[in-house]
Each structure stands twice: as structure tokens, then as C-alpha cells.
């Protein structure tokens, strides 16, 4: 059985100020799940923290958007790297100048593909673990922060 909550309703939750499970009033809801609550004892407002016995009865969250986006980026990385020749990878250097769709070999992050060049001194590279913003086109006394 799933519990039904509504804004203004009451429920038991962990109070971060009182350090106890007390009655709270629901202030905000997201997808029929309480998000913010107000403690009826101390008046403190905080994110909703359910009682452990209620956690299984509250609507479970779907898959994380971050996880889905991360998986999509990983798939894009694998497919784009497979379609290109890794032997043509350019060694990464702050002094180097990179262009979109170029393969980059970074000493720490490994092989990557340039996905965009937002400015003369920055480049976004898609690596196995995600997109990273790296510096480029920076001479010895020419650093831009």
C-alpha cells in the first residue's frame, strides 16, 4: 500500500534540529512525494527524511537522470571512438590547439573526442568517464583563468 500525501498534511519524519522522529507539516511536494517539511515542535524547515518503516511505502524514484545521461554519453564515446582511428590521436597539451571531432590523448583521462570549442582558450572533450572542460592555446606566459 502506498501512502498518499498532500501539501499541508502531516506526517512523521526525522527532524534535523530535534534529532528525533516527530510530526511535521508538508511544505512542498515533488511527484506526489514530500520534498520539504516543517517540524511542528521546533518550527525548523528541512528536506523530508522518512521514518525507515515508511521508506518502502513511499513512491520509489525512477532511474536517475544523471545515470541515464551518463550511460548515453558512454555509448556516444564508444561509438565515436570506434568510428575513428586512435592512432591519429593528438597528444593533449595546454599549448595545443584542438578542433571539433578531433581525437585527443590525455595523460590522465586517456583517449577523448573534442565535442565543442566554446572559446579560444577552452575545449570540451568527451572521455570515458564524461565530458571535461580543458584548457588550450595557452603559451608559457599566456595563461587565461
N, C-alpha and C. Protein backbone atom coordinates (compact mmCIF):
# COMPACT_ATOMS: atom_id res chain seq x y z
N UNK A 1 0.85 -1.19 0.00
CA UNK A 1 0.00 0.00 0.00
C UNK A 1 0.88 1.24 0.00
N UNK A 2 0.60 2.16 -0.90
CA UNK A 2 1.35 3.40 -1.00
C UNK A 2 0.64 4.49 -0.21
N UNK A 3 1.40 5.26 0.56
CA UNK A 3 0.82 6.37 1.31
C UNK A 3 0.50 7.53 0.37
N UNK A 4 -0.57 8.26 0.66
CA UNK A 4 -0.96 9.41 -0.13
C UNK A 4 -0.68 10.66 0.69
N UNK A 5 0.13 11.55 0.15
CA UNK A 5 0.49 12.79 0.83
C UNK A 5 -0.06 13.98 0.07
N UNK A 6 -0.26 15.09 0.79
CA UNK A 6 -0.65 16.33 0.14
C UNK A 6 -0.03 17.49 0.91
N UNK A 7 0.20 18.60 0.21
CA UNK A 7 0.77 19.79 0.84
C UNK A 7 -0.16 20.26 1.95
N UNK A 8 0.42 20.55 3.12
CA UNK A 8 -0.36 20.97 4.27
C UNK A 8 -0.71 19.81 5.18
N UNK A 9 -0.54 18.59 4.70
CA UNK A 9 -0.82 17.41 5.51
C UNK A 9 0.30 17.16 6.51
N UNK A 10 0.05 16.24 7.43
CA UNK A 10 1.05 15.93 8.45
C UNK A 10 1.58 14.52 8.27
N UNK A 11 2.81 14.33 8.72
CA UNK A 11 3.45 13.02 8.68
C UNK A 11 4.59 12.98 9.69
N UNK A 12 5.08 11.80 9.98
CA UNK A 12 6.22 11.65 10.88
C UNK A 12 7.49 11.64 10.04
N UNK A 13 8.49 12.40 10.50
CA UNK A 13 9.77 12.48 9.79
C UNK A 13 10.87 12.77 10.78
N UNK A 14 12.09 12.56 10.35
CA UNK A 14 13.27 12.86 11.17
C UNK A 14 13.51 14.36 11.15
N UNK A 15 13.56 14.98 12.34
CA UNK A 15 13.85 16.41 12.44
C UNK A 15 15.35 16.58 12.61
N UNK A 16 15.94 17.41 11.75
CA UNK A 16 17.38 17.62 11.80
C UNK A 16 17.81 18.49 12.98
N UNK A 17 16.90 19.29 13.52
CA UNK A 17 17.23 20.11 14.69
C UNK A 17 17.00 19.34 15.99
N UNK A 18 15.83 18.71 16.12
CA UNK A 18 15.48 17.99 17.34
C UNK A 18 16.19 16.64 17.45
N UNK A 19 16.64 16.11 16.31
CA UNK A 19 17.30 14.80 16.24
C UNK A 19 16.38 13.68 16.73
N UNK A 20 15.10 13.77 16.34
CA UNK A 20 14.11 12.75 16.70
C UNK A 20 13.07 12.65 15.59
N UNK A 21 12.32 11.54 15.56
CA UNK A 21 11.20 11.40 14.64
C UNK A 21 10.00 12.09 15.28
N UNK A 22 9.51 13.14 14.62
CA UNK A 22 8.40 13.93 15.15
C UNK A 22 7.40 14.22 14.04
N UNK A 23 6.27 14.80 14.40
CA UNK A 23 5.24 15.16 13.43
C UNK A 23 5.67 16.43 12.70
N UNK A 24 5.54 16.40 11.39
CA UNK A 24 5.91 17.53 10.52
C UNK A 24 4.73 17.87 9.62
N UNK A 25 4.71 19.11 9.13
CA UNK A 25 3.74 19.56 8.14
C UNK A 25 4.43 19.61 6.80
N UNK A 26 3.79 19.09 5.74
CA UNK A 26 4.38 19.08 4.41
C UNK A 26 4.29 20.47 3.80
N UNK A 27 5.44 20.99 3.36
CA UNK A 27 5.51 22.32 2.74
C UNK A 27 5.55 22.22 1.22
N UNK A 28 6.31 21.25 0.70
CA UNK A 28 6.47 21.12 -0.76
C UNK A 28 6.46 19.65 -1.15
N UNK A 29 5.92 19.38 -2.34
CA UNK A 29 5.84 18.03 -2.88
C UNK A 29 6.46 18.00 -4.27
N UNK A 30 7.06 16.86 -4.62
CA UNK A 30 7.57 16.63 -5.97
C UNK A 30 7.10 15.24 -6.39
N UNK A 31 6.29 15.16 -7.44
CA UNK A 31 5.76 13.89 -7.94
C UNK A 31 5.09 13.07 -6.83
N UNK A 32 4.21 13.67 -6.09
CA UNK A 32 3.43 13.07 -5.00
C UNK A 32 4.28 12.51 -3.87
N UNK A 33 5.53 12.97 -3.75
CA UNK A 33 6.42 12.60 -2.64
C UNK A 33 6.79 13.87 -1.90
N UNK A 34 6.69 13.89 -0.57
CA UNK A 34 7.07 15.09 0.18
C UNK A 34 8.54 15.45 -0.07
N UNK A 35 8.80 16.75 -0.27
CA UNK A 35 10.17 17.22 -0.50
C UNK A 35 10.66 18.05 0.68
N UNK A 36 9.88 19.05 1.11
CA UNK A 36 10.24 19.91 2.25
C UNK A 36 9.16 19.80 3.31
N UNK A 37 9.60 19.81 4.57
CA UNK A 37 8.66 19.72 5.69
C UNK A 37 9.05 20.72 6.77
N UNK A 38 8.08 21.00 7.65
CA UNK A 38 8.30 21.91 8.78
C UNK A 38 7.97 21.14 10.06
N UNK A 39 8.91 21.12 11.00
CA UNK A 39 8.72 20.41 12.26
C UNK A 39 7.67 21.15 13.09
N UNK A 40 6.67 20.42 13.58
CA UNK A 40 5.63 21.03 14.40
C UNK A 40 6.11 21.33 15.82
N UNK A 41 7.26 20.79 16.22
CA UNK A 41 7.80 21.02 17.56
C UNK A 41 8.70 22.25 17.60
N UNK A 42 9.72 22.30 16.73
CA UNK A 42 10.69 23.40 16.78
C UNK A 42 10.48 24.44 15.68
N UNK A 43 9.68 24.13 14.66
CA UNK A 43 9.41 25.07 13.58
C UNK A 43 10.47 25.08 12.49
N UNK A 44 11.47 24.21 12.61
CA UNK A 44 12.54 24.16 11.61
C UNK A 44 12.06 23.56 10.29
N UNK A 45 12.55 24.11 9.17
CA UNK A 45 12.21 23.59 7.85
C UNK A 45 13.43 22.87 7.27
N UNK A 46 13.19 21.73 6.63
CA UNK A 46 14.27 20.95 6.05
C UNK A 46 13.71 19.98 5.03
N UNK A 47 14.59 19.30 4.30
CA UNK A 47 14.17 18.28 3.35
C UNK A 47 13.54 17.12 4.12
N UNK A 48 12.58 16.48 3.50
CA UNK A 48 11.88 15.36 4.13
C UNK A 48 12.79 14.15 4.25
N UNK A 49 12.83 13.59 5.44
CA UNK A 49 13.57 12.36 5.72
C UNK A 49 12.58 11.39 6.35
N UNK A 50 12.15 10.37 5.58
CA UNK A 50 11.10 9.48 6.10
C UNK A 50 11.59 8.57 7.21
N UNK A 51 10.64 8.11 8.00
CA UNK A 51 10.89 7.10 9.01
C UNK A 51 11.28 5.82 8.24
N UNK A 52 12.26 5.05 8.68
CA UNK A 52 12.67 3.84 7.95
C UNK A 52 11.52 2.90 7.63
N UNK A 53 10.50 2.84 8.48
CA UNK A 53 9.37 1.94 8.22
C UNK A 53 8.49 2.45 7.07
N UNK A 54 8.55 3.75 6.77
CA UNK A 54 7.74 4.33 5.69
C UNK A 54 8.45 4.33 4.35
N UNK A 55 9.74 4.16 4.34
CA UNK A 55 10.52 4.28 3.08
C UNK A 55 10.03 3.32 2.01
N UNK A 56 9.66 2.12 2.38
CA UNK A 56 9.22 1.14 1.38
C UNK A 56 7.81 1.43 0.87
N UNK A 57 7.04 2.22 1.61
CA UNK A 57 5.66 2.50 1.21
C UNK A 57 5.53 3.78 0.40
N UNK A 58 6.59 4.57 0.34
CA UNK A 58 6.55 5.81 -0.42
C UNK A 58 6.92 5.50 -1.86
N UNK A 59 6.30 6.24 -2.78
CA UNK A 59 6.55 6.03 -4.20
C UNK A 59 8.06 6.00 -4.48
N UNK A 60 8.58 4.92 -5.04
CA UNK A 60 10.01 4.86 -5.33
C UNK A 60 10.36 5.76 -6.50
N UNK A 61 11.57 6.30 -6.46
CA UNK A 61 12.03 7.14 -7.55
C UNK A 61 12.39 6.28 -8.73
N UNK A 62 12.24 6.84 -9.92
CA UNK A 62 12.64 6.14 -11.14
C UNK A 62 14.14 6.20 -11.30
N UNK A 63 14.64 5.71 -12.41
CA UNK A 63 16.09 5.76 -12.62
C UNK A 63 16.58 7.20 -12.67
N UNK A 64 17.74 7.42 -12.14
CA UNK A 64 18.31 8.75 -12.07
C UNK A 64 18.56 9.33 -13.46
N UNK A 65 18.27 10.60 -13.62
CA UNK A 65 18.55 11.25 -14.90
C UNK A 65 20.04 11.28 -15.17
N UNK A 66 20.81 11.49 -14.10
CA UNK A 66 22.26 11.52 -14.27
C UNK A 66 22.76 10.18 -14.78
N UNK A 67 22.23 9.10 -14.23
CA UNK A 67 22.70 7.79 -14.65
C UNK A 67 22.37 7.55 -16.11
N UNK A 68 21.16 7.89 -16.55
CA UNK A 68 20.78 7.73 -17.95
C UNK A 68 21.62 8.58 -18.86
N UNK A 69 21.89 9.81 -18.44
CA UNK A 69 22.71 10.71 -19.25
C UNK A 69 24.14 10.19 -19.31
N UNK A 70 24.63 9.67 -18.20
CA UNK A 70 25.99 9.13 -18.15
C UNK A 70 26.12 7.94 -19.09
N UNK A 71 25.11 7.07 -19.09
CA UNK A 71 25.13 5.90 -19.97
C UNK A 71 25.08 6.33 -21.44
N UNK A 72 24.27 7.35 -21.73
CA UNK A 72 24.18 7.84 -23.11
C UNK A 72 25.52 8.44 -23.55
N UNK A 73 26.17 9.19 -22.67
CA UNK A 73 27.48 9.75 -23.00
C UNK A 73 28.50 8.64 -23.24
N UNK A 74 28.45 7.60 -22.41
CA UNK A 74 29.39 6.50 -22.56
C UNK A 74 29.17 5.80 -23.90
N UNK A 75 27.90 5.58 -24.28
CA UNK A 75 27.60 4.96 -25.56
C UNK A 75 28.09 5.83 -26.71
N UNK A 76 27.89 7.14 -26.59
CA UNK A 76 28.37 8.05 -27.63
C UNK A 76 29.89 7.99 -27.73
N UNK A 77 30.55 7.96 -26.58
CA UNK A 77 32.01 7.89 -26.54
C UNK A 77 32.51 6.63 -27.26
N UNK A 78 31.94 5.48 -26.92
CA UNK A 78 32.36 4.22 -27.51
C UNK A 78 32.13 4.21 -29.02
N UNK A 79 30.94 4.65 -29.45
CA UNK A 79 30.63 4.62 -30.88
C UNK A 79 31.51 5.60 -31.67
N UNK A 80 31.74 6.79 -31.13
CA UNK A 80 32.56 7.77 -31.86
C UNK A 80 34.03 7.36 -31.90
N UNK A 81 34.52 6.76 -30.81
CA UNK A 81 35.91 6.32 -30.79
C UNK A 81 36.11 5.12 -31.72
N UNK A 82 35.11 4.23 -31.78
CA UNK A 82 35.21 3.07 -32.66
C UNK A 82 35.19 3.49 -34.13
N UNK A 83 34.51 4.58 -34.44
CA UNK A 83 34.42 5.05 -35.82
C UNK A 83 35.64 5.83 -36.27
N UNK A 84 36.55 6.12 -35.35
CA UNK A 84 37.74 6.89 -35.71
C UNK A 84 39.01 6.07 -35.49
N UNK A 85 40.12 6.57 -35.96
CA UNK A 85 41.40 5.88 -35.86
C UNK A 85 42.19 6.42 -34.67
N UNK A 86 42.31 5.64 -33.57
CA UNK A 86 43.02 6.11 -32.38
C UNK A 86 44.50 6.40 -32.62
N UNK A 87 45.08 5.83 -33.66
CA UNK A 87 46.50 6.10 -33.93
C UNK A 87 46.73 7.54 -34.38
N UNK A 88 45.66 8.21 -34.80
CA UNK A 88 45.76 9.61 -35.23
C UNK A 88 45.53 10.59 -34.07
N UNK A 89 45.44 10.07 -32.85
CA UNK A 89 45.16 10.91 -31.68
C UNK A 89 46.29 11.92 -31.47
N UNK A 90 45.89 13.13 -31.12
CA UNK A 90 46.83 14.22 -30.85
C UNK A 90 47.10 14.24 -29.35
N UNK A 91 48.36 14.30 -28.95
CA UNK A 91 48.72 14.37 -27.53
C UNK A 91 48.18 15.68 -26.96
N UNK A 92 47.54 15.59 -25.78
CA UNK A 92 47.00 16.80 -25.15
C UNK A 92 48.12 17.64 -24.54
N UNK A 93 48.01 18.94 -24.75
CA UNK A 93 48.92 19.91 -24.15
C UNK A 93 48.15 21.22 -24.01
N UNK A 94 48.46 21.99 -22.97
CA UNK A 94 47.83 23.30 -22.81
C UNK A 94 48.16 24.21 -23.98
N UNK A 95 49.30 24.01 -24.58
CA UNK A 95 49.72 24.84 -25.71
C UNK A 95 49.08 24.41 -27.03
N UNK A 96 48.52 23.21 -27.06
CA UNK A 96 47.91 22.70 -28.28
C UNK A 96 46.63 23.43 -28.63
N UNK A 97 46.27 23.34 -29.91
CA UNK A 97 45.01 23.92 -30.40
C UNK A 97 44.21 22.76 -30.99
N UNK A 98 42.98 22.60 -30.52
CA UNK A 98 42.17 21.45 -30.92
C UNK A 98 40.91 21.91 -31.63
N UNK A 99 40.39 21.04 -32.49
CA UNK A 99 39.17 21.35 -33.22
C UNK A 99 38.12 20.27 -32.95
N UNK A 100 36.88 20.58 -33.27
CA UNK A 100 35.77 19.67 -33.01
C UNK A 100 35.99 18.35 -33.73
N UNK A 101 35.60 17.25 -33.05
CA UNK A 101 35.69 15.87 -33.53
C UNK A 101 37.12 15.34 -33.63
N UNK A 102 38.08 16.06 -33.10
CA UNK A 102 39.46 15.60 -33.10
C UNK A 102 39.67 14.65 -31.92
N UNK A 103 40.49 13.62 -32.11
CA UNK A 103 40.79 12.67 -31.04
C UNK A 103 41.98 13.20 -30.25
N UNK A 104 41.84 13.16 -28.92
CA UNK A 104 42.86 13.70 -28.02
C UNK A 104 43.32 12.58 -27.09
N UNK A 105 44.63 12.49 -26.88
CA UNK A 105 45.18 11.52 -25.93
C UNK A 105 45.69 12.29 -24.72
N UNK A 106 44.91 12.23 -23.62
CA UNK A 106 45.25 12.96 -22.40
C UNK A 106 46.05 12.04 -21.47
N UNK A 107 47.12 12.55 -20.82
CA UNK A 107 47.93 11.68 -19.96
C UNK A 107 47.18 11.11 -18.76
N UNK A 108 46.16 11.80 -18.27
CA UNK A 108 45.41 11.32 -17.10
C UNK A 108 44.08 10.67 -17.45
N UNK A 109 43.33 11.27 -18.38
CA UNK A 109 41.98 10.82 -18.70
C UNK A 109 41.91 9.83 -19.85
N UNK A 110 43.00 9.66 -20.59
CA UNK A 110 43.03 8.71 -21.70
C UNK A 110 42.55 9.32 -23.00
N UNK A 111 42.00 8.47 -23.86
CA UNK A 111 41.53 8.92 -25.18
C UNK A 111 40.21 9.66 -25.04
N UNK A 112 40.08 10.73 -25.79
CA UNK A 112 38.86 11.51 -25.77
C UNK A 112 38.58 12.12 -27.13
N UNK A 113 37.39 12.63 -27.28
CA UNK A 113 36.97 13.24 -28.54
C UNK A 113 36.47 14.65 -28.23
N UNK A 114 36.97 15.63 -28.97
CA UNK A 114 36.56 17.02 -28.78
C UNK A 114 35.11 17.16 -29.24
N UNK A 115 34.23 17.58 -28.32
CA UNK A 115 32.82 17.75 -28.68
C UNK A 115 32.46 19.19 -28.97
N UNK A 116 33.21 20.15 -28.39
CA UNK A 116 32.97 21.55 -28.72
C UNK A 116 34.17 22.39 -28.32
N UNK A 117 34.25 23.56 -28.94
CA UNK A 117 35.31 24.52 -28.65
C UNK A 117 34.60 25.82 -28.27
N UNK A 118 34.26 25.98 -26.96
CA UNK A 118 33.48 27.15 -26.54
C UNK A 118 34.24 28.47 -26.62
N UNK A 119 35.57 28.42 -26.57
CA UNK A 119 36.35 29.66 -26.69
C UNK A 119 37.74 29.33 -27.21
N UNK A 120 38.52 30.37 -27.47
CA UNK A 120 39.87 30.21 -27.97
C UNK A 120 40.75 29.46 -26.97
N UNK A 121 40.44 29.60 -25.68
CA UNK A 121 41.29 29.02 -24.63
C UNK A 121 40.67 27.82 -23.91
N UNK A 122 39.52 27.34 -24.36
CA UNK A 122 38.86 26.20 -23.73
C UNK A 122 38.37 25.22 -24.78
N UNK A 123 38.30 23.95 -24.37
CA UNK A 123 37.80 22.90 -25.26
C UNK A 123 37.09 21.85 -24.40
N UNK A 124 35.93 21.37 -24.85
CA UNK A 124 35.20 20.32 -24.15
C UNK A 124 35.52 18.99 -24.80
N UNK A 125 36.00 18.04 -23.99
CA UNK A 125 36.41 16.75 -24.51
C UNK A 125 35.59 15.65 -23.83
N UNK A 126 35.06 14.73 -24.63
CA UNK A 126 34.31 13.59 -24.12
C UNK A 126 35.27 12.44 -23.86
N UNK A 127 35.42 12.09 -22.58
CA UNK A 127 36.26 10.97 -22.18
C UNK A 127 35.35 9.83 -21.74
N UNK A 128 35.96 8.72 -21.41
CA UNK A 128 35.22 7.53 -20.97
C UNK A 128 34.32 7.83 -19.78
N UNK A 129 34.79 8.70 -18.85
CA UNK A 129 34.03 9.00 -17.64
C UNK A 129 33.17 10.25 -17.74
N UNK A 130 33.10 10.88 -18.91
CA UNK A 130 32.25 12.06 -19.09
C UNK A 130 32.96 13.19 -19.80
N UNK A 131 32.27 14.33 -19.91
CA UNK A 131 32.81 15.49 -20.60
C UNK A 131 33.62 16.33 -19.62
N UNK A 132 34.77 16.79 -20.07
CA UNK A 132 35.64 17.64 -19.24
C UNK A 132 36.00 18.89 -20.04
N UNK A 133 36.08 20.02 -19.33
CA UNK A 133 36.49 21.28 -19.92
C UNK A 133 37.98 21.43 -19.69
N UNK A 134 38.74 21.51 -20.78
CA UNK A 134 40.20 21.59 -20.70
C UNK A 134 40.69 22.90 -21.32
N UNK A 135 41.88 23.31 -20.91
CA UNK A 135 42.49 24.50 -21.49
C UNK A 135 43.19 24.16 -22.79
N UNK A 136 43.35 25.16 -23.64
CA UNK A 136 44.08 25.00 -24.90
C UNK A 136 44.65 26.34 -25.32
N UNK A 137 45.59 26.31 -26.27
CA UNK A 137 46.12 27.52 -26.89
C UNK A 137 46.71 28.49 -25.86
N UNK A 138 47.44 27.95 -24.88
CA UNK A 138 48.00 28.78 -23.83
C UNK A 138 49.52 28.65 -23.83
N UNK A 139 50.20 29.72 -24.24
CA UNK A 139 51.66 29.74 -24.27
C UNK A 139 52.23 29.87 -22.86
N UNK A 140 53.55 29.95 -22.75
CA UNK A 140 54.24 29.98 -21.46
C UNK A 140 53.75 31.13 -20.56
N UNK A 141 53.70 32.35 -21.05
CA UNK A 141 53.25 33.47 -20.23
C UNK A 141 51.88 33.95 -20.62
N UNK A 142 51.10 33.07 -21.22
CA UNK A 142 49.83 33.46 -21.86
C UNK A 142 48.62 32.82 -21.20
N UNK A 143 48.69 32.41 -19.95
CA UNK A 143 47.59 31.69 -19.30
C UNK A 143 46.37 32.58 -19.09
N UNK A 144 45.22 32.01 -19.30
CA UNK A 144 43.93 32.70 -19.08
C UNK A 144 43.17 31.91 -18.03
N UNK A 145 42.64 32.58 -17.00
CA UNK A 145 41.90 31.87 -15.96
C UNK A 145 40.48 32.30 -15.91
